[in-house]
Amino acid sequence: MKIEILGTGCAKCKKTKEIVEQAVAELGVAAQVVKVEDMDRILSYGVMITPAVVVDGDVKIAGKVPTAEKVKEWITE
């Protein structure tokens, strides 16, 4: 599983990465968590507002910091 955190490095983007890493650790799943800061790559997903979370190529949320519970739902779908 590949989880991408899209964002340019703002506080919300950093918080989103922390939440995703925490959820992955709590579930004990094998997931690669990657921070994407390249604007062209972010825009290629159709994301205009960061932070955003992409799970295996599927944009799950954009413009908001997700809850750990929501991230766990995405991971276990």
C-alpha atoms as a PDB file:
ATOM      1  CA  MET A   1       0.000   0.000   0.000  1.00  0.00           C
ATOM      2  CA  LYS A   2       1.243   3.460  -0.881  1.00  0.00           C
ATOM      3  CA  ILE A   3      -0.058   6.521   0.952  1.00  0.00           C
ATOM      4  CA  GLU A   4       0.920   9.933  -0.360  1.00  0.00           C
ATOM      5  CA  ILE A   5       0.620  13.142   1.627  1.00  0.00           C
ATOM      6  CA  LEU A   6       0.268  16.026  -0.822  1.00  0.00           C
ATOM      7  CA  GLY A   7       1.380  19.416   0.443  1.00  0.00           C
ATOM      8  CA  THR A   8       4.080  22.021   0.298  1.00  0.00           C
ATOM      9  CA  GLY A   9       5.190  21.714   3.906  1.00  0.00           C
ATOM     10  CA  CYS A  10       2.684  23.841   5.801  1.00  0.00           C
ATOM     11  CA  ALA A  11       1.718  23.037   9.397  1.00  0.00           C
ATOM     12  CA  LYS A  12      -1.481  21.268   8.293  1.00  0.00           C
ATOM     13  CA  CYS A  13       0.497  19.128   5.847  1.00  0.00           C
ATOM     14  CA  LYS A  14       2.947  18.117   8.576  1.00  0.00           C
ATOM     15  CA  LYS A  15       0.072  17.307  10.949  1.00  0.00           C
ATOM     16  CA  THR A  16      -1.581  15.179   8.261  1.00  0.00           C
ATOM     17  CA  LYS A  17       1.629  13.187   7.787  1.00  0.00           C
ATOM     18  CA  GLU A  18       1.876  12.614  11.556  1.00  0.00           C
ATOM     19  CA  ILE A  19      -1.727  11.395  11.719  1.00  0.00           C
ATOM     20  CA  VAL A  20      -1.267   9.030   8.762  1.00  0.00           C
ATOM     21  CA  GLU A  21       1.960   7.590  10.194  1.00  0.00           C
ATOM     22  CA  GLN A  22       0.268   7.127  13.583  1.00  0.00           C
ATOM     23  CA  ALA A  23      -2.717   5.315  12.012  1.00  0.00           C
ATOM     24  CA  VAL A  24      -0.438   3.032   9.989  1.00  0.00           C
ATOM     25  CA  ALA A  25       1.589   2.192  13.095  1.00  0.00           C
ATOM     26  CA  GLU A  26      -1.510   1.532  15.211  1.00  0.00           C
ATOM     27  CA  LEU A  27      -2.958  -0.821  12.592  1.00  0.00           C
ATOM     28  CA  GLY A  28       0.386  -2.513  12.025  1.00  0.00           C
ATOM     29  CA  VAL A  29      -0.051  -2.549   8.249  1.00  0.00           C
ATOM     30  CA  ALA A  30       2.717  -2.469   5.682  1.00  0.00           C
ATOM     31  CA  ALA A  31       2.372   0.917   4.004  1.00  0.00           C
ATOM     32  CA  GLN A  32       4.797   3.266   2.334  1.00  0.00           C
ATOM     33  CA  VAL A  33       4.057   6.838   3.485  1.00  0.00           C
ATOM     34  CA  VAL A  34       5.455   9.426   1.075  1.00  0.00           C
ATOM     35  CA  LYS A  35       5.389  13.233   1.285  1.00  0.00           C
ATOM     36  CA  VAL A  36       4.778  14.849  -2.118  1.00  0.00           C
ATOM     37  CA  GLU A  37       5.744  18.525  -2.371  1.00  0.00           C
ATOM     38  CA  ASP A  38       6.063  18.847  -6.162  1.00  0.00           C
ATOM     39  CA  MET A  39       3.201  21.094  -7.332  1.00  0.00           C
ATOM     40  CA  ASP A  40       2.985  19.487 -10.780  1.00  0.00           C
ATOM     41  CA  ARG A  41       2.560  16.073  -9.182  1.00  0.00           C
ATOM     42  CA  ILE A  42      -0.023  17.429  -6.709  1.00  0.00           C
ATOM     43  CA  LEU A  43      -1.979  19.045  -9.549  1.00  0.00           C
ATOM     44  CA  SER A  44      -1.821  15.801 -11.553  1.00  0.00           C
ATOM     45  CA  TYR A  45      -4.208  14.347  -8.962  1.00  0.00           C
ATOM     46  CA  GLY A  46      -6.611  17.246  -9.515  1.00  0.00           C
ATOM     47  CA  VAL A  47      -5.885  18.582  -6.036  1.00  0.00           C
ATOM     48  CA  MET A  48      -6.090  22.355  -5.730  1.00  0.00           C
ATOM     49  CA  ILE A  49      -6.075  22.678  -1.925  1.00  0.00           C
ATOM     50  CA  THR A  50      -3.635  20.930   0.399  1.00  0.00           C
ATOM     51  CA  PRO A  51      -3.176  18.966   2.502  1.00  0.00           C
ATOM     52  CA  ALA A  52      -4.457  15.935   0.643  1.00  0.00           C
ATOM     53  CA  VAL A  53      -4.160  12.199   1.191  1.00  0.00           C
ATOM     54  CA  VAL A  54      -3.869   9.704  -1.669  1.00  0.00           C
ATOM     55  CA  VAL A  55      -4.157   5.965  -0.970  1.00  0.00           C
ATOM     56  CA  ASP A  56      -2.972   3.720  -3.811  1.00  0.00           C
ATOM     57  CA  GLY A  57      -3.634   6.472  -6.367  1.00  0.00           C
ATOM     58  CA  ASP A  58      -7.094   7.389  -5.030  1.00  0.00           C
ATOM     59  CA  VAL A  59      -7.546  10.885  -3.531  1.00  0.00           C
ATOM     60  CA  LYS A  60      -9.318  10.405  -0.197  1.00  0.00           C
ATOM     61  CA  ILE A  61      -9.393  13.967   1.140  1.00  0.00           C
ATOM     62  CA  ALA A  62      -8.201  17.413   0.075  1.00  0.00           C
ATOM     63  CA  GLY A  63      -8.110  20.730   1.892  1.00  0.00           C
ATOM     64  CA  LYS A  64      -8.573  19.255   5.362  1.00  0.00           C
ATOM     65  CA  VAL A  65      -6.577  17.425   8.003  1.00  0.00           C
ATOM     66  CA  PRO A  66      -8.157  13.976   8.392  1.00  0.00           C
ATOM     67  CA  THR A  67      -8.835  12.283  11.716  1.00  0.00           C
ATOM     68  CA  ALA A  68      -6.873   9.164  12.613  1.00  0.00           C
ATOM     69  CA  GLU A  69     -10.149   7.212  12.555  1.00  0.00           C
ATOM     70  CA  LYS A  70     -10.854   8.291   8.973  1.00  0.00           C
ATOM     71  CA  VAL A  71      -7.330   7.343   7.880  1.00  0.00           C
ATOM     72  CA  LYS A  72      -7.792   3.905   9.453  1.00  0.00           C
ATOM     73  CA  GLU A  73     -11.015   3.468   7.474  1.00  0.00           C
ATOM     74  CA  TRP A  74      -9.179   4.221   4.214  1.00  0.00           C
ATOM     75  CA  ILE A  75      -6.367   1.825   5.068  1.00  0.00           C
ATOM     76  CA  THR A  76      -8.672  -1.061   5.929  1.00  0.00           C
ATOM     77  CA  GLU A  77     -11.091  -0.650   2.969  1.00  0.00           C
END
